[in-house]
Protein backbone atom coordinates (compact mmCIF):
# COMPACT_ATOMS: atom_id res chain seq x y z
CA MET A 1 29.41 6.76 -4.12
CA ALA A 2 25.84 6.31 -2.18
CA ARG A 3 25.92 4.64 1.17
CA LEU A 4 23.15 2.73 0.69
CA VAL A 5 20.91 0.29 3.09
CA PHE A 6 17.99 -2.12 2.62
CA TYR A 7 14.65 -1.60 4.33
CA HIS A 8 13.37 -5.69 3.59
CA HIS A 9 16.53 -7.92 4.34
CA PRO A 10 17.52 -9.12 0.89
CA GLN A 11 17.34 -12.50 2.03
CA ALA A 12 13.92 -12.28 4.07
CA GLU A 13 12.04 -9.49 2.88
CA ASN A 14 9.36 -9.92 5.81
CA PHE A 15 11.53 -8.83 7.90
CA SER A 16 12.08 -4.58 7.56
CA LEU A 17 14.46 -2.26 9.43
CA LYS A 18 13.70 -1.47 13.02
CA TYR A 19 17.20 -0.46 14.31
CA SER A 20 20.99 0.93 12.79
CA SER A 21 24.11 1.99 15.01
CA ALA A 22 27.66 1.87 14.54
CA SER A 23 28.05 0.24 17.59
CA VAL A 24 27.89 -3.36 17.10
CA ALA A 25 27.58 -3.54 21.24
CA GLU A 26 24.18 -1.30 20.86
CA ILE A 27 23.37 -3.41 17.93
CA LEU A 28 23.42 -6.53 19.75
CA SER A 29 21.41 -5.12 23.06
CA GLN A 30 18.58 -3.87 20.65
CA ARG A 31 18.49 -7.35 19.29
CA GLU A 32 18.08 -8.93 23.18
CA GLN A 33 15.60 -6.38 23.34
CA SER A 34 13.32 -7.60 20.79
CA ASP A 35 11.07 -9.97 21.11
CA GLU A 36 10.74 -10.72 17.33
CA SER A 37 12.47 -12.67 15.02
CA THR A 38 15.52 -11.12 14.19
CA LYS A 39 18.16 -10.70 11.72
CA LEU A 40 21.67 -8.60 11.36
CA ILE A 41 23.85 -6.99 8.62
CA GLY A 42 26.75 -5.15 9.02
CA TYR A 43 27.35 -2.99 5.96
CA PRO A 44 31.02 -2.34 5.65
CA PHE A 45 31.27 1.61 4.90
CA ASP A 46 34.30 3.08 6.08
CA THR A 47 32.19 3.94 8.83
CA PRO A 48 29.98 0.69 9.37
CA VAL A 49 26.37 0.79 10.34
CA TYR A 50 25.29 -2.32 11.73
CA VAL A 51 20.90 -2.81 11.46
CA LEU A 52 18.45 -5.31 13.17
CA TYR A 53 16.08 -6.45 10.95
CA GLU A 54 12.70 -7.28 12.60
CA GLY A 55 9.89 -10.30 11.23
CA GLU A 56 7.72 -12.82 10.93
CA SER A 57 9.64 -16.61 10.44
CA GLU A 58 7.45 -17.74 7.72
CA ILE A 59 5.07 -16.14 5.06
CA GLU A 60 2.09 -18.13 4.02
CA SER A 61 1.35 -18.52 0.52
CA ALA A 62 -1.45 -16.95 -0.45
CA GLN A 63 -2.05 -20.78 -2.91
CA GLU A 64 -2.38 -22.39 0.20
CA VAL A 65 -5.55 -20.02 1.93
CA ASP A 66 -8.89 -20.88 0.84
CA PHE A 67 -10.76 -17.61 1.25
CA ASP A 68 -13.92 -19.18 1.75
CA GLN A 69 -17.17 -17.76 2.79
CA GLU A 70 -17.23 -18.56 6.44
CA TRP A 71 -13.54 -17.73 6.15
CA LEU A 72 -14.31 -14.02 5.60
CA SER A 73 -17.95 -14.19 7.52
CA ASP A 74 -15.62 -14.58 10.44
CA ARG A 75 -13.58 -11.94 9.78
CA ILE A 76 -16.17 -8.95 8.99
CA ARG A 77 -19.29 -9.98 11.10
CA ASP A 78 -18.51 -6.57 13.67
CA LEU A 79 -18.35 -4.78 10.60
CA PRO A 80 -20.54 -1.87 10.21
CA ARG A 81 -22.78 -3.12 6.35
CA ALA A 82 -20.48 -0.48 4.72
CA GLY A 83 -17.01 -1.98 5.66
CA GLN A 84 -18.12 -5.61 5.12
CA VAL A 85 -19.72 -4.77 1.35
CA VAL A 86 -16.09 -3.73 0.49
CA ALA A 87 -14.12 -5.96 2.44
CA PHE A 88 -15.83 -8.19 0.64
CA ARG A 89 -14.57 -7.17 -2.80
CA LEU A 90 -11.51 -6.44 -1.72
CA VAL A 91 -11.03 -10.31 -1.28
CA GLU A 92 -12.60 -11.24 -4.05
CA LEU A 93 -9.82 -8.82 -6.08
CA LEU A 94 -7.14 -10.36 -4.02
CA GLU A 95 -8.79 -14.51 -4.61
CA ALA A 96 -8.55 -13.14 -8.25
CA ALA A 97 -4.92 -11.27 -8.62
CA VAL A 98 -3.72 -14.42 -6.92
CA ASP A 99 -5.06 -16.90 -9.89
CA VAL A 100 -3.74 -14.33 -12.25
CA ARG A 101 -0.08 -13.52 -11.23
CA ASP A 102 2.22 -15.73 -10.38
CA GLU A 103 2.51 -17.62 -6.96
CA ASP A 104 5.46 -15.99 -5.78
CA GLU A 105 4.30 -12.40 -6.62
CA PHE A 106 1.42 -13.31 -3.63
CA ARG A 107 3.05 -14.38 -0.56
CA LEU A 108 1.13 -13.11 2.56
CA TYR A 109 2.95 -11.20 4.36
CA LYS A 110 0.88 -10.15 6.92
CA GLU A 111 -2.75 -11.15 8.86
CA PHE A 112 -5.66 -9.30 6.82
CA GLU A 113 -7.04 -6.87 9.03
CA PRO A 114 -10.36 -5.87 8.14
CA GLN A 115 -11.46 -3.27 10.77
CA LYS A 116 -9.14 -0.67 8.93
CA ILE A 117 -11.57 -1.12 5.92
CA GLN A 118 -13.78 1.17 7.75
CA GLN A 119 -11.30 3.16 8.57
CA ALA A 120 -10.26 4.23 5.59
CA LEU A 121 -14.48 4.71 4.79
CA ASP A 122 -13.87 7.13 7.35
CA HIS A 123 -11.55 9.19 6.16
CA VAL A 124 -12.82 9.50 2.50
CA SER A 125 -14.50 13.11 1.55
CA TRP A 126 -17.59 11.94 0.02
CA GLY A 127 -19.65 13.92 -2.19
CA ALA A 128 -16.57 16.13 -2.88
CA PRO A 129 -15.22 16.10 -6.83
CA LEU A 130 -14.80 13.19 -8.49
CA PRO A 131 -11.30 12.91 -8.76
CA THR A 132 -11.15 13.60 -4.85
CA VAL A 133 -13.08 11.31 -3.39
CA ALA A 134 -11.97 8.33 -5.78
CA GLY A 135 -7.99 9.75 -4.81
CA GLU A 136 -9.28 9.32 -1.33
CA VAL A 137 -10.72 6.04 -1.57
CA MET A 138 -7.70 4.32 -2.93
CA SER A 139 -5.41 6.51 -0.89
CA ASN A 140 -6.78 5.29 2.41
CA LEU A 141 -7.17 1.78 1.92
CA ILE A 142 -3.45 1.88 0.40
CA LEU A 143 -2.27 3.46 3.66
CA ARG A 144 -4.80 0.91 5.88
CA HIS A 145 -2.72 -1.89 3.96
CA SER A 146 -5.57 -4.12 5.38
CA LEU A 147 -5.04 -6.93 3.01
CA PRO A 148 -2.28 -9.56 3.22
CA ASN A 149 -0.60 -8.45 -0.22
CA ALA A 150 -2.01 -6.40 -3.20
CA ASN A 151 -2.97 -3.09 -1.68
CA HIS A 152 -2.05 -1.45 -4.43
CA ARG A 153 -3.30 -2.99 -7.48
CA THR A 154 -6.78 -3.51 -5.05
CA GLY A 155 -6.74 0.26 -4.17
CA ILE A 156 -6.61 0.75 -7.66
CA ALA A 157 -9.23 -1.43 -8.87
CA MET A 158 -11.07 0.57 -6.10
CA LEU A 159 -10.71 3.52 -7.63
CA GLN A 160 -11.90 2.17 -10.97
CA PHE A 161 -15.21 1.65 -8.98
CA CYS A 162 -15.65 4.72 -7.35
CA ILE A 163 -15.35 6.11 -11.01
CA GLU A 164 -18.00 4.05 -12.43
CA SER A 165 -20.56 4.47 -9.63
CA VAL A 166 -20.82 8.21 -10.98
CA ASP A 167 -20.59 6.96 -14.69
CA PRO A 168 -20.82 2.56 -15.26
CA ASP A 169 -20.42 3.62 -19.28
CA PHE A 170 -16.75 4.71 -18.04
CA GLU A 171 -13.48 2.76 -19.37
CA MET A 172 -10.80 2.35 -17.24
CA PRO A 173 -6.99 2.87 -19.00
CA ARG A 174 -5.43 -0.59 -19.22
CA THR A 175 -3.51 -0.35 -15.61
CA HIS A 176 -2.07 -4.34 -16.38
CA VAL A 177 1.48 -5.17 -15.01
CA ASP A 178 2.67 -6.71 -18.17
CA ASP A 179 1.10 -3.83 -19.95
CA ASP A 180 4.04 -1.16 -21.60
CA SER A 181 1.95 1.04 -20.62
CA TRP A 182 2.06 0.23 -17.16
CA ARG A 183 5.78 1.41 -17.07
CA GLU A 184 4.50 4.40 -18.99
CA TRP A 185 2.07 5.72 -16.72
CA VAL A 186 1.25 3.77 -13.67
CA ASP A 187 4.47 1.72 -12.36
CA PRO A 188 5.80 6.01 -10.93
CA TYR A 189 2.95 6.48 -9.24
CA ILE A 190 2.55 3.00 -7.39
CA VAL A 191 6.45 3.73 -6.93
CA ASP A 192 6.24 7.55 -5.72
CA SER A 193 3.43 5.59 -3.30
CA LYS A 194 5.21 3.19 -1.71
CA ARG A 195 8.08 5.76 -0.56
CA LEU A 196 5.82 8.07 0.24
CA ILE A 197 3.94 5.09 2.75
CA THR A 198 7.46 4.36 3.78
CA VAL A 199 8.46 7.28 4.96
CA ARG A 200 5.46 7.70 6.84
CA ARG A 201 5.73 4.53 8.97
CA ASN A 202 9.37 4.99 9.28
CA ASN A 203 10.56 8.68 9.62
CA LEU A 204 12.69 8.18 12.98
CA ARG A 205 14.50 5.26 11.69
CA PHE A 206 15.61 6.98 8.37
CA LYS A 207 15.99 9.85 10.21
CA GLN A 208 18.74 7.35 12.69
CA LEU A 209 20.23 6.42 9.42
CA GLU A 210 21.17 9.47 8.31
CA GLU A 211 22.53 10.29 10.99
CA LEU A 212 24.97 7.31 9.93
CA ASP A 213 25.53 9.46 6.67
CA VAL A 214 23.54 6.76 4.41
CA ASP A 215 22.19 8.29 1.81
CA LEU A 216 19.87 5.23 -0.06
CA VAL A 217 17.29 2.83 1.35
CA GLU A 218 16.11 0.01 -0.96
CA ARG A 219 12.32 -1.32 -0.71
CA LYS A 220 12.13 -4.37 -1.73
CA ASP A 221 11.06 -3.91 -5.62
CA GLY A 222 13.82 -1.97 -5.95
CA ILE A 223 12.56 1.34 -4.95
CA GLN A 224 15.10 3.54 -3.73
CA ILE A 225 14.36 6.22 -0.81
CA ARG A 226 16.80 9.43 -1.35
CA LEU A 227 16.71 10.45 2.60
CA ALA A 228 17.87 13.86 1.28
CA GLU A 229 14.61 14.31 -0.14
CA PHE A 230 12.95 14.10 2.89
CA GLU A 231 11.60 15.69 6.12
CA LEU A 232 11.96 12.82 8.83
CA ASP A 233 12.65 15.67 11.83
CA MET A 234 9.26 15.40 13.26
CA HIS A 235 7.76 13.31 16.06
CA TRP A 236 6.29 9.95 14.23
CA ARG A 237 3.06 11.51 14.79
CA GLU A 238 3.20 14.59 12.72
CA ALA A 239 5.30 12.25 10.09
CA LEU A 240 1.60 10.12 10.06
CA THR A 241 -0.80 12.94 9.15
CA GLU A 242 1.99 14.99 7.18
CA TYR A 243 2.50 11.82 4.84
CA ALA A 244 -0.96 10.56 4.89
CA GLY A 245 -2.05 14.25 3.31
CA GLN A 246 0.67 14.17 0.91
CA HIS A 247 -0.37 10.45 -0.28
CA GLU A 248 -3.89 11.66 -1.00
CA SER A 249 -2.79 14.40 -2.60
CA HIS A 250 -0.80 11.95 -4.70
CA CYS A 251 -3.17 9.40 -5.76
CA THR A 252 -5.66 12.87 -6.31
CA ASP A 253 -3.22 13.33 -8.94
CA PHE A 254 -3.68 9.67 -10.09
CA ALA A 255 -7.41 9.56 -9.68
CA GLN A 256 -7.31 12.76 -12.43
CA ALA A 257 -4.65 11.44 -14.89
CA VAL A 258 -6.90 8.18 -15.19
CA LEU A 259 -9.23 10.81 -16.11
CA GLU A 260 -7.77 12.50 -18.72
CA ARG A 261 -6.17 9.79 -19.96
CA ALA A 262 -9.66 7.87 -20.69
CA GLY A 263 -10.58 10.85 -22.71
CA ARG A 264 -13.20 11.86 -19.67
CA ASP A 265 -12.71 15.62 -18.56
CA ASP A 266 -16.15 16.26 -18.43
CA LEU A 267 -16.14 13.78 -14.99
CA LEU A 268 -13.01 15.73 -14.11
CA ASP A 269 -16.02 18.77 -12.13
CA ARG A 270 -18.87 15.93 -11.55
CA GLN A 271 -19.64 14.85 -7.85
CA GLY A 272 -18.50 12.12 -6.53
CA PRO A 273 -20.44 9.46 -4.83
CA THR A 274 -21.74 9.23 -1.69
CA LYS A 275 -20.69 6.55 0.58
CA GLN A 276 -24.08 5.37 0.39
CA GLU A 277 -23.84 5.15 -3.54
CA PHE A 278 -20.51 3.80 -4.25
CA ILE A 279 -21.55 0.79 -1.72
CA THR A 280 -24.51 0.04 -3.69
CA TYR A 281 -22.75 0.37 -7.05
CA LEU A 282 -20.27 -2.36 -4.81
CA GLU A 283 -23.04 -4.29 -4.16
CA ASN A 284 -25.40 -4.81 -6.82
CA GLY A 285 -23.27 -3.18 -10.09
CA LEU A 286 -20.43 -6.28 -9.83
CA VAL A 287 -22.36 -9.15 -9.28
CA GLU A 288 -21.11 -10.62 -12.53
CA ARG A 289 -17.90 -9.05 -12.93
CA ASP A 290 -14.69 -10.78 -13.95
CA PHE A 291 -12.08 -9.67 -11.25
CA ARG A 292 -9.00 -11.84 -13.33
CA GLU A 293 -10.00 -9.27 -16.21
CA MET A 294 -8.39 -6.18 -13.64
CA PHE A 295 -5.15 -8.02 -13.34
């Protein structure tokens, strides 16, 4: 039977794996050195494995946050104009998702970090073929993880807006979570994306687990990562670069699949938008859009 360890603490999803050991004394020492709230789990394998989890003691409900203009303005005033526009639309999308989906689905696991939005925009190959630009917009927003939740759903929405900025008549294939087609074609892309970004941030922690003969790591939502399928033995900086590249390729493949599924092969070789064209569309082309329809 596979030896499985949870990445998120099963009773507290805001606590994530930080350290593992076969030694009780070592894991307790690591706990004493931590400045964060911690939880411990001992996994009763033939050779036990002890895992330290760190996280915040409280998770804020999205329903309790007032996403008003003053709240947002205070957080984005120092960004360049492009970052401000994207941040504004991302928060609108988050609001729509909170409004439509179940409250429990939108707990806030981290702070809003708008400066990461500008970082994401700076790593897009603007003007490259449309699937590349749209895929990189989605990938880099997900990798920077600027929102407290819903980064994948809002990343897909931004991919859609990127395509629409080239062809406003583009009709996105249905990707709603409650649609059967989600599990058929969208969900596998999201699941693999979450695997890649989890390995990207944790290659050394996962290598430590692999050395303890752990086979599987399970994220929240039941997403399992088979450690043998990933290269873990590299410096953490190298892993950030390597898996960011893999994630961009993955999202570019998703953008191509979106265009093909929509029957828009004519857009596969079209030039993608420049940054200014994308920002102009976000400012002027979405004024009367009801984002709730996207969730």
